Amino acid sequence: MTLQDRVRVHEVTLLSDHWYTLRTTAFDWRRNDGQWQRMHRETYDRGNGAALLPYNLAQRSVLLTRQFRYPAFVNGHDELLIEAAAGLLDDAAPEERIRAEVEEELGYRLGGVQKIFECFMSPGSVTEKLHFFVAPYEPSMRIGAGGGLAEEGEDIEVLELGIGEALAMVADGRIADAKTVMLLYHAKLHVFAP
């Protein structure tokens, strides 16, 4: 039996279409025991995205961003978030879009990028699937200051950190962004591994 055989959608109601799309859906779910159960779920559709961690093996460093995130702020996080460069795909291929985001946010034009995996980041309520990348960088690849696009409300600081320092910041809570933690641990295991 496929998932299509286990879901019967009854009603989809648009709740908001201001920034992204929020819907509530009434559906029946066929449980493992064969019984049908009525469910109601809200889904937030913001599109799919991509994230990338630039690394420099010789310097044992990575490039990250620091910026204000209102949802984290209203949830009690009283610091700017330190994150990997990331953005929504906006109908572009993941590799194409992440290259543009790195140029906008970090000010670097990268050579080859390597896709390492893709994940649903919050599948209980958000439809987004995130494509994860890593790529080497050199100081000569810097083409601008970065900082993001002011017209999109971006006000981004570029950080260059040693991998050890970045991992210590995960351990003590200064880096609390899931995509960034995932990329840093991937780098520890697969990029900077002895």
Foldseek 3Di string as FASTA:
>chain_A
DDQVVFKAWDDKAWDDPDQWTKIKTWIWGQDPVRDIDIDIAIATEPAAKEFEWEAAQVQQKIKWKWAQDVVVVVVPDPGTAIGTQMDHQPPHDHVVVSQVSCCQAAQFRFDDKAWDDKADDCVRHYPYIYTYIYGYDDPVRRHDRHQHDVVVVTGMHMDMGRLVVVVVCVVVVNHDDVSRVVVSVCCCVPPNDD
